[in-house]
Amino acid sequence: MIIDKLGLFSDDQAITASAASTDHIDLSVARNVGIGTPVPLVIQVTEAFNNLTSLAVAVQEDDNTSFSSATTIVTHTILLADLVVGARIPIHYVPRNSEAFVRLYYTVTGTAPTTGKVHAKVATEDQTNGANV
């Protein structure tokens, strides 16, 4: 799997409350990244979560870096019991979008976790042999 720092959303980002990914992807101009070969998106738990009921991960787009009018393209919710080290959030590709900026947004439901980290990135392909990121 080949990765590029410019395609990184979260680098072992601790999720202790609802928050945006620490990084976003700048496409420079509005474009549709979904035409042609799908662009793999790898979102993986790197530290087990505690306390919360579930975590929703959303892919959002906007025309500005403040994401003041962000639109959610796709979202997936995963329960606490499944938020263990190595777990993958099943958003496998960057969805087609038309805005210039893309980020992830993590929504915590239930009690705020004191442990739990996520690593998320765009990659050339998704390594699926069970290896951690």
Foldseek 3Di string as FASTA:
>chain_A
DDFDPLFWQADQAWFQAWFWGPDKHFQVAFDWPCPDDFWFKWKFKAAQWDFFQKKKKFKWADQDPVCPPIDTPDMAIDGNVQRHGLRTGPPTGDHTTGHRMIIMIMHTHGHGTPGITMTMGTGNHDDDPSDHD
